[in-house]
Amino acid sequence: MGCQAPAAPVHAHLLTPRQQDEARYRILEVMPVFDDYARHSRRHIRVFSLTPAAYSGDR
């Protein structure tokens, strides 16, 4: 099972720890196992916010 969307240009913004806390409910909506993954990996998981970038024609 997979979901392949067409590629689109985006801008990525690394969330601060506070922003990540504020986005927590949305993170868990799309990845319910996030906390388990972070705990088992024993590291801080960097989370990015993606916004569409301007797109001009074919690549």
N, C-alpha and C. Protein backbone atom coordinates (compact mmCIF):
# COMPACT_ATOMS: atom_id res chain seq x y z
N MET A 1 0.83 -1.17 0.00
CA MET A 1 0.00 0.00 0.00
C MET A 1 0.88 1.23 0.00
N GLY A 2 0.58 2.16 -0.86
CA GLY A 2 1.35 3.38 -0.90
C GLY A 2 0.54 4.51 -1.49
N CYS A 3 1.06 5.67 -1.33
CA CYS A 3 0.40 6.85 -1.85
C CYS A 3 1.45 7.71 -2.52
N GLN A 4 1.47 7.72 -3.83
CA GLN A 4 2.44 8.51 -4.56
C GLN A 4 1.73 9.72 -5.15
N ALA A 5 2.08 10.88 -4.69
CA ALA A 5 1.56 12.13 -5.24
C ALA A 5 2.58 12.66 -6.23
N PRO A 6 2.13 13.42 -7.20
CA PRO A 6 3.10 14.01 -8.13
C PRO A 6 4.07 14.92 -7.39
N ALA A 7 5.30 14.98 -7.84
CA ALA A 7 6.31 15.83 -7.21
C ALA A 7 5.93 17.30 -7.41
N ALA A 8 6.15 18.08 -6.39
CA ALA A 8 5.87 19.51 -6.47
C ALA A 8 6.94 20.26 -5.69
N PRO A 9 7.36 21.42 -6.18
CA PRO A 9 8.38 22.18 -5.46
C PRO A 9 7.81 22.75 -4.16
N VAL A 10 8.60 22.67 -3.10
CA VAL A 10 8.17 23.18 -1.80
C VAL A 10 9.32 23.90 -1.11
N HIS A 11 8.96 24.69 -0.13
CA HIS A 11 9.94 25.29 0.78
C HIS A 11 9.80 24.55 2.10
N ALA A 12 10.92 24.19 2.71
CA ALA A 12 10.91 23.47 3.98
C ALA A 12 11.36 24.40 5.11
N HIS A 13 10.65 24.34 6.22
CA HIS A 13 10.97 25.14 7.40
C HIS A 13 11.09 24.18 8.58
N LEU A 14 12.27 24.13 9.20
CA LEU A 14 12.49 23.28 10.37
C LEU A 14 11.72 23.87 11.54
N LEU A 15 10.85 23.06 12.14
CA LEU A 15 10.08 23.53 13.28
C LEU A 15 10.95 23.60 14.53
N THR A 16 10.76 24.66 15.31
CA THR A 16 11.43 24.77 16.60
C THR A 16 10.75 23.77 17.54
N PRO A 17 11.37 23.46 18.68
CA PRO A 17 10.70 22.56 19.63
C PRO A 17 9.31 23.08 20.03
N ARG A 18 9.17 24.39 20.19
CA ARG A 18 7.86 24.95 20.55
C ARG A 18 6.85 24.76 19.41
N GLN A 19 7.27 25.03 18.18
CA GLN A 19 6.38 24.84 17.03
C GLN A 19 6.00 23.37 16.88
N GLN A 20 6.95 22.49 17.16
CA GLN A 20 6.66 21.06 17.07
C GLN A 20 5.63 20.66 18.12
N ASP A 21 5.75 21.21 19.33
CA ASP A 21 4.74 20.96 20.36
C ASP A 21 3.37 21.45 19.93
N GLU A 22 3.34 22.65 19.32
CA GLU A 22 2.08 23.23 18.87
C GLU A 22 1.46 22.42 17.73
N ALA A 23 2.28 21.78 16.91
CA ALA A 23 1.80 20.98 15.78
C ALA A 23 1.60 19.52 16.14
N ARG A 24 1.77 19.18 17.39
CA ARG A 24 1.74 17.79 17.83
C ARG A 24 0.52 17.01 17.37
N TYR A 25 -0.67 17.59 17.54
CA TYR A 25 -1.88 16.85 17.16
C TYR A 25 -1.88 16.52 15.67
N ARG A 26 -1.36 17.44 14.84
CA ARG A 26 -1.32 17.18 13.40
C ARG A 26 -0.27 16.12 13.06
N ILE A 27 0.86 16.15 13.76
CA ILE A 27 1.90 15.15 13.54
C ILE A 27 1.35 13.76 13.85
N LEU A 28 0.64 13.64 14.97
CA LEU A 28 0.10 12.34 15.36
C LEU A 28 -1.05 11.90 14.46
N GLU A 29 -1.74 12.84 13.83
CA GLU A 29 -2.80 12.47 12.88
C GLU A 29 -2.22 11.76 11.67
N VAL A 30 -1.07 12.23 11.17
CA VAL A 30 -0.49 11.63 9.97
C VAL A 30 0.51 10.52 10.28
N MET A 31 1.04 10.50 11.50
CA MET A 31 2.00 9.47 11.89
C MET A 31 1.77 9.09 13.35
N PRO A 32 0.75 8.26 13.59
CA PRO A 32 0.40 7.91 14.97
C PRO A 32 1.54 7.24 15.75
N VAL A 33 2.50 6.66 15.07
CA VAL A 33 3.60 5.96 15.74
C VAL A 33 4.81 6.87 15.99
N PHE A 34 4.62 8.18 15.81
CA PHE A 34 5.73 9.13 15.93
C PHE A 34 6.45 8.99 17.27
N ASP A 35 5.71 8.98 18.37
CA ASP A 35 6.32 8.90 19.70
C ASP A 35 7.09 7.59 19.89
N ASP A 36 6.50 6.49 19.42
CA ASP A 36 7.19 5.19 19.52
C ASP A 36 8.49 5.21 18.73
N TYR A 37 8.42 5.77 17.53
CA TYR A 37 9.62 5.85 16.68
C TYR A 37 10.71 6.69 17.36
N ALA A 38 10.32 7.85 17.88
CA ALA A 38 11.30 8.72 18.54
C ALA A 38 11.92 8.03 19.76
N ARG A 39 11.09 7.36 20.53
CA ARG A 39 11.58 6.67 21.73
C ARG A 39 12.54 5.54 21.35
N HIS A 40 12.16 4.74 20.37
CA HIS A 40 13.00 3.60 19.98
C HIS A 40 14.29 4.04 19.29
N SER A 41 14.23 5.17 18.59
CA SER A 41 15.44 5.64 17.91
C SER A 41 16.38 6.37 18.87
N ARG A 42 15.85 6.77 20.02
CA ARG A 42 16.63 7.47 21.05
C ARG A 42 17.27 8.76 20.51
N ARG A 43 16.52 9.45 19.69
CA ARG A 43 17.03 10.72 19.19
C ARG A 43 15.88 11.69 18.97
N HIS A 44 16.23 12.95 18.84
CA HIS A 44 15.23 13.97 18.53
C HIS A 44 14.92 13.91 17.04
N ILE A 45 13.66 13.80 16.70
CA ILE A 45 13.25 13.72 15.31
C ILE A 45 12.96 15.13 14.80
N ARG A 46 13.67 15.54 13.77
CA ARG A 46 13.45 16.87 13.20
C ARG A 46 12.17 16.84 12.37
N VAL A 47 11.34 17.86 12.57
CA VAL A 47 10.07 17.96 11.86
C VAL A 47 10.07 19.24 11.04
N PHE A 48 9.65 19.13 9.80
CA PHE A 48 9.63 20.26 8.89
C PHE A 48 8.20 20.58 8.47
N SER A 49 7.96 21.85 8.25
CA SER A 49 6.71 22.31 7.67
C SER A 49 7.00 22.60 6.20
N LEU A 50 6.17 22.07 5.31
CA LEU A 50 6.37 22.27 3.88
C LEU A 50 5.29 23.20 3.34
N THR A 51 5.70 24.17 2.55
CA THR A 51 4.75 25.06 1.88
C THR A 51 5.06 25.06 0.39
N PRO A 52 4.02 25.15 -0.43
CA PRO A 52 4.24 25.14 -1.87
C PRO A 52 5.15 26.29 -2.31
N ALA A 53 6.03 25.98 -3.23
CA ALA A 53 6.90 27.00 -3.81
C ALA A 53 6.32 27.39 -5.17
N ALA A 54 6.70 28.54 -5.65
CA ALA A 54 6.25 28.96 -6.97
C ALA A 54 6.76 27.95 -8.00
N TYR A 55 5.92 27.64 -8.94
CA TYR A 55 6.28 26.67 -9.97
C TYR A 55 6.10 27.34 -11.32
N SER A 56 7.12 27.25 -12.14
CA SER A 56 7.02 27.90 -13.46
C SER A 56 7.33 26.90 -14.56
N GLY A 57 6.30 26.29 -15.08
CA GLY A 57 6.43 25.41 -16.24
C GLY A 57 7.00 24.04 -15.94
N ASP A 58 7.36 23.34 -16.99
CA ASP A 58 7.92 22.00 -16.86
C ASP A 58 9.34 22.05 -16.36
N ARG A 59 9.77 20.93 -15.78
CA ARG A 59 11.13 20.85 -15.26
C ARG A 59 12.10 20.52 -16.33
